[in-house]
């Protein structure tokens, strides 16, 4: 039977929101790395906030850096709070979630993973 446990994103500090500082896919910060192997997987939940006065584009690289198959682009409204970005998509095998934005330091991302182990 599978077990579920809620986990912090591996790149966060005690679950705190993380600022998106990168502005290109090659420099996208690793916000979470899934467990190695295929016996566990992470169900990923991410929300974003935008402290700027204009909409900003957030790009999530889910498991790789191939355009467009690994990228999810979301426009985050100005001065908004907790916009759902990733609604429980699943990754495993050591894949990483990387984030970058069209402007640095105005979008923060919060979230968690449900780790599912067979």
C-alpha atoms as a PDB file:
ATOM      1  CA  UNK A   1       0.000   0.000   0.000  1.00  0.00           C
ATOM      2  CA  UNK A   2       1.282   3.501  -0.833  1.00  0.00           C
ATOM      3  CA  UNK A   3       2.128   5.997   1.900  1.00  0.00           C
ATOM      4  CA  UNK A   4       1.729   9.776   1.659  1.00  0.00           C
ATOM      5  CA  UNK A   5       3.690  12.401   3.578  1.00  0.00           C
ATOM      6  CA  UNK A   6       3.618  16.189   3.179  1.00  0.00           C
ATOM      7  CA  UNK A   7       7.122  17.623   2.614  1.00  0.00           C
ATOM      8  CA  UNK A   8       8.667  21.070   2.270  1.00  0.00           C
ATOM      9  CA  UNK A   9      10.051  21.974  -1.139  1.00  0.00           C
ATOM     10  CA  UNK A  10      13.705  20.911  -1.035  1.00  0.00           C
ATOM     11  CA  UNK A  11      14.887  24.431  -1.900  1.00  0.00           C
ATOM     12  CA  UNK A  12      12.873  26.189   0.797  1.00  0.00           C
ATOM     13  CA  UNK A  13      13.916  27.159   4.294  1.00  0.00           C
ATOM     14  CA  UNK A  14      11.463  25.526   6.690  1.00  0.00           C
ATOM     15  CA  UNK A  15       8.629  25.965   4.181  1.00  0.00           C
ATOM     16  CA  UNK A  16       9.065  29.731   3.725  1.00  0.00           C
ATOM     17  CA  UNK A  17       8.242  31.334   0.344  1.00  0.00           C
ATOM     18  CA  UNK A  18      11.138  31.500  -2.105  1.00  0.00           C
ATOM     19  CA  UNK A  19      11.944  34.565  -4.184  1.00  0.00           C
ATOM     20  CA  UNK A  20      12.369  33.992  -7.929  1.00  0.00           C
ATOM     21  CA  UNK A  21      15.708  35.618  -8.754  1.00  0.00           C
ATOM     22  CA  UNK A  22      16.446  34.061 -12.156  1.00  0.00           C
ATOM     23  CA  UNK A  23      15.317  35.614 -15.448  1.00  0.00           C
ATOM     24  CA  UNK A  24      16.348  32.890 -17.914  1.00  0.00           C
ATOM     25  CA  UNK A  25      15.865  29.148 -18.185  1.00  0.00           C
ATOM     26  CA  UNK A  26      19.587  28.357 -18.124  1.00  0.00           C
ATOM     27  CA  UNK A  27      19.951  30.083 -14.769  1.00  0.00           C
ATOM     28  CA  UNK A  28      16.615  29.009 -13.310  1.00  0.00           C
ATOM     29  CA  UNK A  29      17.013  28.199  -9.644  1.00  0.00           C
ATOM     30  CA  UNK A  30      16.253  24.645  -8.553  1.00  0.00           C
ATOM     31  CA  UNK A  31      13.246  25.043  -6.245  1.00  0.00           C
ATOM     32  CA  UNK A  32      12.693  21.355  -5.664  1.00  0.00           C
ATOM     33  CA  UNK A  33      14.422  18.088  -6.500  1.00  0.00           C
ATOM     34  CA  UNK A  34      12.369  14.884  -6.441  1.00  0.00           C
ATOM     35  CA  UNK A  35      13.658  11.686  -4.838  1.00  0.00           C
ATOM     36  CA  UNK A  36      15.943   9.492  -6.922  1.00  0.00           C
ATOM     37  CA  UNK A  37      14.519   6.302  -8.378  1.00  0.00           C
ATOM     38  CA  UNK A  38      10.994   5.285  -9.265  1.00  0.00           C
ATOM     39  CA  UNK A  39       9.634   3.874  -5.992  1.00  0.00           C
ATOM     40  CA  UNK A  40       8.726   7.360  -4.718  1.00  0.00           C
ATOM     41  CA  UNK A  41       7.151  10.319  -6.467  1.00  0.00           C
ATOM     42  CA  UNK A  42       6.307  13.867  -5.507  1.00  0.00           C
ATOM     43  CA  UNK A  43       2.911  15.453  -6.112  1.00  0.00           C
ATOM     44  CA  UNK A  44       3.892  19.121  -6.482  1.00  0.00           C
ATOM     45  CA  UNK A  45       1.740  22.077  -5.409  1.00  0.00           C
ATOM     46  CA  UNK A  46       2.973  25.641  -6.078  1.00  0.00           C
ATOM     47  CA  UNK A  47       1.413  29.079  -5.524  1.00  0.00           C
ATOM     48  CA  UNK A  48       2.905  32.438  -6.551  1.00  0.00           C
ATOM     49  CA  UNK A  49       2.568  36.026  -5.372  1.00  0.00           C
ATOM     50  CA  UNK A  50       3.585  39.136  -7.318  1.00  0.00           C
ATOM     51  CA  UNK A  51       4.549  42.232  -5.325  1.00  0.00           C
ATOM     52  CA  UNK A  52       4.981  44.372  -8.455  1.00  0.00           C
ATOM     53  CA  UNK A  53       2.415  46.859  -9.844  1.00  0.00           C
ATOM     54  CA  UNK A  54       2.250  45.095 -13.227  1.00  0.00           C
ATOM     55  CA  UNK A  55       1.624  41.476 -14.289  1.00  0.00           C
ATOM     56  CA  UNK A  56       4.734  39.320 -14.491  1.00  0.00           C
ATOM     57  CA  UNK A  57       5.365  36.059 -16.310  1.00  0.00           C
ATOM     58  CA  UNK A  58       6.546  33.102 -14.256  1.00  0.00           C
ATOM     59  CA  UNK A  59       7.985  30.088 -16.065  1.00  0.00           C
ATOM     60  CA  UNK A  60       8.132  26.712 -14.349  1.00  0.00           C
ATOM     61  CA  UNK A  61      10.531  24.171 -15.858  1.00  0.00           C
ATOM     62  CA  UNK A  62       9.023  20.864 -14.800  1.00  0.00           C
ATOM     63  CA  UNK A  63      11.649  18.112 -14.941  1.00  0.00           C
ATOM     64  CA  UNK A  64      13.866  19.612 -17.646  1.00  0.00           C
ATOM     65  CA  UNK A  65      14.710  22.622 -19.796  1.00  0.00           C
ATOM     66  CA  UNK A  66      13.202  21.593 -23.161  1.00  0.00           C
ATOM     67  CA  UNK A  67      11.005  24.263 -24.743  1.00  0.00           C
ATOM     68  CA  UNK A  68       8.010  23.925 -24.854  1.00  0.00           C
ATOM     69  CA  UNK A  69       7.491  20.441 -23.392  1.00  0.00           C
ATOM     70  CA  UNK A  70       9.022  21.101 -19.950  1.00  0.00           C
ATOM     71  CA  UNK A  71       7.856  24.705 -19.531  1.00  0.00           C
ATOM     72  CA  UNK A  72       4.648  26.021 -18.012  1.00  0.00           C
ATOM     73  CA  UNK A  73       4.145  29.784 -18.309  1.00  0.00           C
ATOM     74  CA  UNK A  74       1.795  31.650 -15.987  1.00  0.00           C
ATOM     75  CA  UNK A  75       1.003  35.356 -15.853  1.00  0.00           C
ATOM     76  CA  UNK A  76       0.870  36.423 -12.208  1.00  0.00           C
ATOM     77  CA  UNK A  77      -1.398  39.467 -11.670  1.00  0.00           C
ATOM     78  CA  UNK A  78      -0.001  42.558  -9.906  1.00  0.00           C
ATOM     79  CA  UNK A  79      -0.083  42.744  -6.126  1.00  0.00           C
ATOM     80  CA  UNK A  80      -1.727  39.337  -6.030  1.00  0.00           C
ATOM     81  CA  UNK A  81      -1.549  36.629  -3.461  1.00  0.00           C
ATOM     82  CA  UNK A  82      -1.433  32.876  -3.803  1.00  0.00           C
ATOM     83  CA  UNK A  83      -2.133  32.237  -7.478  1.00  0.00           C
ATOM     84  CA  UNK A  84      -2.172  28.476  -8.098  1.00  0.00           C
ATOM     85  CA  UNK A  85       0.671  27.628 -10.495  1.00  0.00           C
ATOM     86  CA  UNK A  86       1.167  23.836 -10.262  1.00  0.00           C
ATOM     87  CA  UNK A  87      -1.941  21.846  -9.188  1.00  0.00           C
ATOM     88  CA  UNK A  88      -0.497  18.555  -7.979  1.00  0.00           C
ATOM     89  CA  UNK A  89       1.507  17.390 -10.994  1.00  0.00           C
ATOM     90  CA  UNK A  90       3.721  14.364 -10.301  1.00  0.00           C
ATOM     91  CA  UNK A  91       7.468  13.867 -10.879  1.00  0.00           C
ATOM     92  CA  UNK A  92      10.074  11.372  -9.680  1.00  0.00           C
ATOM     93  CA  UNK A  93      13.487   9.909 -10.562  1.00  0.00           C
ATOM     94  CA  UNK A  94      15.529  12.890  -9.328  1.00  0.00           C
ATOM     95  CA  UNK A  95      13.903  15.421 -11.675  1.00  0.00           C
ATOM     96  CA  UNK A  96      14.019  19.082 -10.661  1.00  0.00           C
ATOM     97  CA  UNK A  97      11.540  21.953 -10.703  1.00  0.00           C
ATOM     98  CA  UNK A  98      13.199  25.215 -11.794  1.00  0.00           C
ATOM     99  CA  UNK A  99      11.662  28.684 -11.892  1.00  0.00           C
ATOM    100  CA  UNK A 100      12.433  31.941 -13.655  1.00  0.00           C
ATOM    101  CA  UNK A 101      10.503  35.155 -14.257  1.00  0.00           C
ATOM    102  CA  UNK A 102      10.590  38.041 -16.714  1.00  0.00           C
ATOM    103  CA  UNK A 103      11.763  40.303 -13.845  1.00  0.00           C
ATOM    104  CA  UNK A 104      13.827  39.223 -10.839  1.00  0.00           C
ATOM    105  CA  UNK A 105      12.833  39.590  -7.193  1.00  0.00           C
ATOM    106  CA  UNK A 106       9.117  40.425  -7.479  1.00  0.00           C
ATOM    107  CA  UNK A 107       7.558  36.941  -7.560  1.00  0.00           C
ATOM    108  CA  UNK A 108       7.678  34.632  -4.542  1.00  0.00           C
ATOM    109  CA  UNK A 109       6.647  30.984  -4.683  1.00  0.00           C
ATOM    110  CA  UNK A 110       5.229  28.876  -1.857  1.00  0.00           C
ATOM    111  CA  UNK A 111       4.219  25.263  -1.856  1.00  0.00           C
ATOM    112  CA  UNK A 112       4.771  21.716  -0.739  1.00  0.00           C
ATOM    113  CA  UNK A 113       4.903  18.195  -2.097  1.00  0.00           C
ATOM    114  CA  UNK A 114       2.985  15.117  -1.157  1.00  0.00           C
ATOM    115  CA  UNK A 115       5.612  12.376  -1.262  1.00  0.00           C
ATOM    116  CA  UNK A 116       4.049   9.118  -2.380  1.00  0.00           C
ATOM    117  CA  UNK A 117       6.036   5.958  -1.653  1.00  0.00           C
ATOM    118  CA  UNK A 118       5.068   2.542  -2.960  1.00  0.00           C
END
